């Protein structure tokens, strides 16, 4: 998974380099939306790569880093 995410340039979401933007000013909503979309993609990829019973245990986490 690490190599896959590095290839997609998304490893920072798991390593903690990329964190959700805190500034919610109007101009930053696009960056927050992009962060949330990428985070959701990574969680989906992880869930699709593990056994079902493991995936059900991961639903309580909200970020790729937590997963």
C-alpha atoms as a PDB file:
ATOM      1  CA  UNK A   1       0.000   0.000   0.000  1.00  0.00           C
ATOM      2  CA  UNK A   2       2.857   2.380   0.805  1.00  0.00           C
ATOM      3  CA  UNK A   3       4.360   2.043  -2.656  1.00  0.00           C
ATOM      4  CA  UNK A   4       0.945   2.404  -4.290  1.00  0.00           C
ATOM      5  CA  UNK A   5       0.209   5.609  -2.357  1.00  0.00           C
ATOM      6  CA  UNK A   6       3.686   6.982  -3.029  1.00  0.00           C
ATOM      7  CA  UNK A   7       3.107   6.351  -6.723  1.00  0.00           C
ATOM      8  CA  UNK A   8      -0.134   8.336  -6.499  1.00  0.00           C
ATOM      9  CA  UNK A   9       1.673  11.081  -4.510  1.00  0.00           C
ATOM     10  CA  UNK A  10      -0.708  10.549  -1.604  1.00  0.00           C
ATOM     11  CA  UNK A  11       1.534   8.926   1.001  1.00  0.00           C
ATOM     12  CA  UNK A  12       1.548  12.198   2.958  1.00  0.00           C
ATOM     13  CA  UNK A  13      -2.054  11.598   4.000  1.00  0.00           C
ATOM     14  CA  UNK A  14      -0.969   8.445   5.843  1.00  0.00           C
ATOM     15  CA  UNK A  15       2.384   9.720   7.098  1.00  0.00           C
ATOM     16  CA  UNK A  16       0.799  12.898   8.453  1.00  0.00           C
ATOM     17  CA  UNK A  17       2.588  15.312   6.114  1.00  0.00           C
ATOM     18  CA  UNK A  18      -0.706  16.342   4.521  1.00  0.00           C
ATOM     19  CA  UNK A  19      -3.195  17.454   7.160  1.00  0.00           C
ATOM     20  CA  UNK A  20      -6.685  18.821   6.715  1.00  0.00           C
ATOM     21  CA  UNK A  21      -6.480  22.573   6.070  1.00  0.00           C
ATOM     22  CA  UNK A  22      -7.605  24.519   9.134  1.00  0.00           C
ATOM     23  CA  UNK A  23      -8.386  27.818   7.427  1.00  0.00           C
ATOM     24  CA  UNK A  24     -12.020  27.766   6.334  1.00  0.00           C
ATOM     25  CA  UNK A  25     -12.083  31.093   4.541  1.00  0.00           C
ATOM     26  CA  UNK A  26     -14.048  31.047   1.319  1.00  0.00           C
ATOM     27  CA  UNK A  27     -10.974  30.643  -0.887  1.00  0.00           C
ATOM     28  CA  UNK A  28      -9.829  27.598   1.043  1.00  0.00           C
ATOM     29  CA  UNK A  29     -12.980  25.518   0.675  1.00  0.00           C
ATOM     30  CA  UNK A  30     -11.575  23.999  -2.524  1.00  0.00           C
ATOM     31  CA  UNK A  31      -8.429  22.833  -0.728  1.00  0.00           C
ATOM     32  CA  UNK A  32     -10.501  21.358   2.102  1.00  0.00           C
ATOM     33  CA  UNK A  33     -12.726  19.575  -0.425  1.00  0.00           C
ATOM     34  CA  UNK A  34      -9.673  18.218  -2.243  1.00  0.00           C
ATOM     35  CA  UNK A  35      -8.139  16.996   1.016  1.00  0.00           C
ATOM     36  CA  UNK A  36     -11.376  15.251   2.028  1.00  0.00           C
ATOM     37  CA  UNK A  37     -11.756  13.638  -1.416  1.00  0.00           C
ATOM     38  CA  UNK A  38      -8.184  12.314  -1.402  1.00  0.00           C
ATOM     39  CA  UNK A  39      -8.543  11.092   2.174  1.00  0.00           C
ATOM     40  CA  UNK A  40     -11.717   9.214   1.216  1.00  0.00           C
ATOM     41  CA  UNK A  41      -9.985   7.666  -1.820  1.00  0.00           C
ATOM     42  CA  UNK A  42      -7.160   6.350   0.324  1.00  0.00           C
ATOM     43  CA  UNK A  43      -9.511   4.895   2.923  1.00  0.00           C
ATOM     44  CA  UNK A  44     -11.461   3.191   0.137  1.00  0.00           C
ATOM     45  CA  UNK A  45      -8.267   1.760  -1.382  1.00  0.00           C
ATOM     46  CA  UNK A  46      -7.188   0.428   1.993  1.00  0.00           C
ATOM     47  CA  UNK A  47     -10.608  -1.091   2.679  1.00  0.00           C
ATOM     48  CA  UNK A  48     -10.612  -2.724  -0.747  1.00  0.00           C
ATOM     49  CA  UNK A  49      -7.218  -4.302  -0.084  1.00  0.00           C
ATOM     50  CA  UNK A  50      -8.024  -6.004   3.235  1.00  0.00           C
ATOM     51  CA  UNK A  51     -10.358  -8.817   4.245  1.00  0.00           C
ATOM     52  CA  UNK A  52     -13.972  -7.785   4.863  1.00  0.00           C
ATOM     53  CA  UNK A  53     -13.829  -8.430   8.614  1.00  0.00           C
ATOM     54  CA  UNK A  54     -10.787  -6.155   8.896  1.00  0.00           C
ATOM     55  CA  UNK A  55     -12.474  -3.448   6.816  1.00  0.00           C
ATOM     56  CA  UNK A  56     -15.463  -3.395   9.149  1.00  0.00           C
ATOM     57  CA  UNK A  57     -13.098  -2.643  12.033  1.00  0.00           C
ATOM     58  CA  UNK A  58     -11.701   0.357  10.153  1.00  0.00           C
ATOM     59  CA  UNK A  59     -15.020   2.180   9.752  1.00  0.00           C
ATOM     60  CA  UNK A  60     -14.591   3.949  13.083  1.00  0.00           C
ATOM     61  CA  UNK A  61     -11.637   5.945  11.742  1.00  0.00           C
ATOM     62  CA  UNK A  62     -12.065   9.202   9.834  1.00  0.00           C
ATOM     63  CA  UNK A  63      -8.615   9.814   8.352  1.00  0.00           C
ATOM     64  CA  UNK A  64      -6.245   7.741   6.280  1.00  0.00           C
ATOM     65  CA  UNK A  65      -3.576   8.277   8.920  1.00  0.00           C
ATOM     66  CA  UNK A  66      -5.832   6.746  11.593  1.00  0.00           C
ATOM     67  CA  UNK A  67      -6.672   3.803   9.351  1.00  0.00           C
END
